[in-house]
Amino acid sequence: MVTEVAGAPSRGSSGISRRQAAHMGLRLAFLHFFFARDITNGYVWMIDLSIGLGAGKILSVLALNLNHHAQFDHAPTLQNVECVAVSVAASWTGDAIAAFLKKVMASVGGAPSAYLKDGGTDLAKAIDILNLAKTNCHSIADISHVIANLFKHAYGEHPLFSTFVSACGKVSKNLKQTM
């Protein structure tokens, strides 16, 4: 597993220092080492950017077996994924994400079968850069972002739209797991 804390604030509003974040990453790396599996061919890598370490942004990469639904009778949970990589930086660009993912692929021995990502432009640019470099992985858009963008386009000017979005955000926290 690749773990980095590059350019992260020394201590952010979350109260986690770079050293603590690095230690959390090392613990994850040790767990990954002892329970390591091939997480390239036959896996989809779920990539997410989150604001979560002070002013820094966390880039998380999780792997889900493409045969999950043939093996289990439930939707994937966090217990069904492998943590591939975590990195913290002050900001992320498409170029920086692509460079990080190249490093991850080199450390795990290859590329996944596909990427699952939200509709963010930086993530999209990173996948485009990787595919230009002949990585040739499928990119799967998280449908929730597509639907949200359609709603915003159709109803964004409605006076109750912001109330609707706020209510959806509150309810969704009870319905989904996040990275």
Foldseek 3Di string as FASTA:
>chain_A
DAEEEEAADQAAPVRAGPVNSVVVVVVLVVVCVVVPDQQAEQWEWEWDWACDGHLKIKIWIKIAGNCVVVVDVDDDDPVRIRTQYMYIHNDAALVRVLVVVVVSQVVSVAHHQAYEYEPDPSVVSVVVVVVVVVSPHHYHYDVVNVVVVVCCVVCVPPPCVVVVVVVCVVVVVVPDDDD
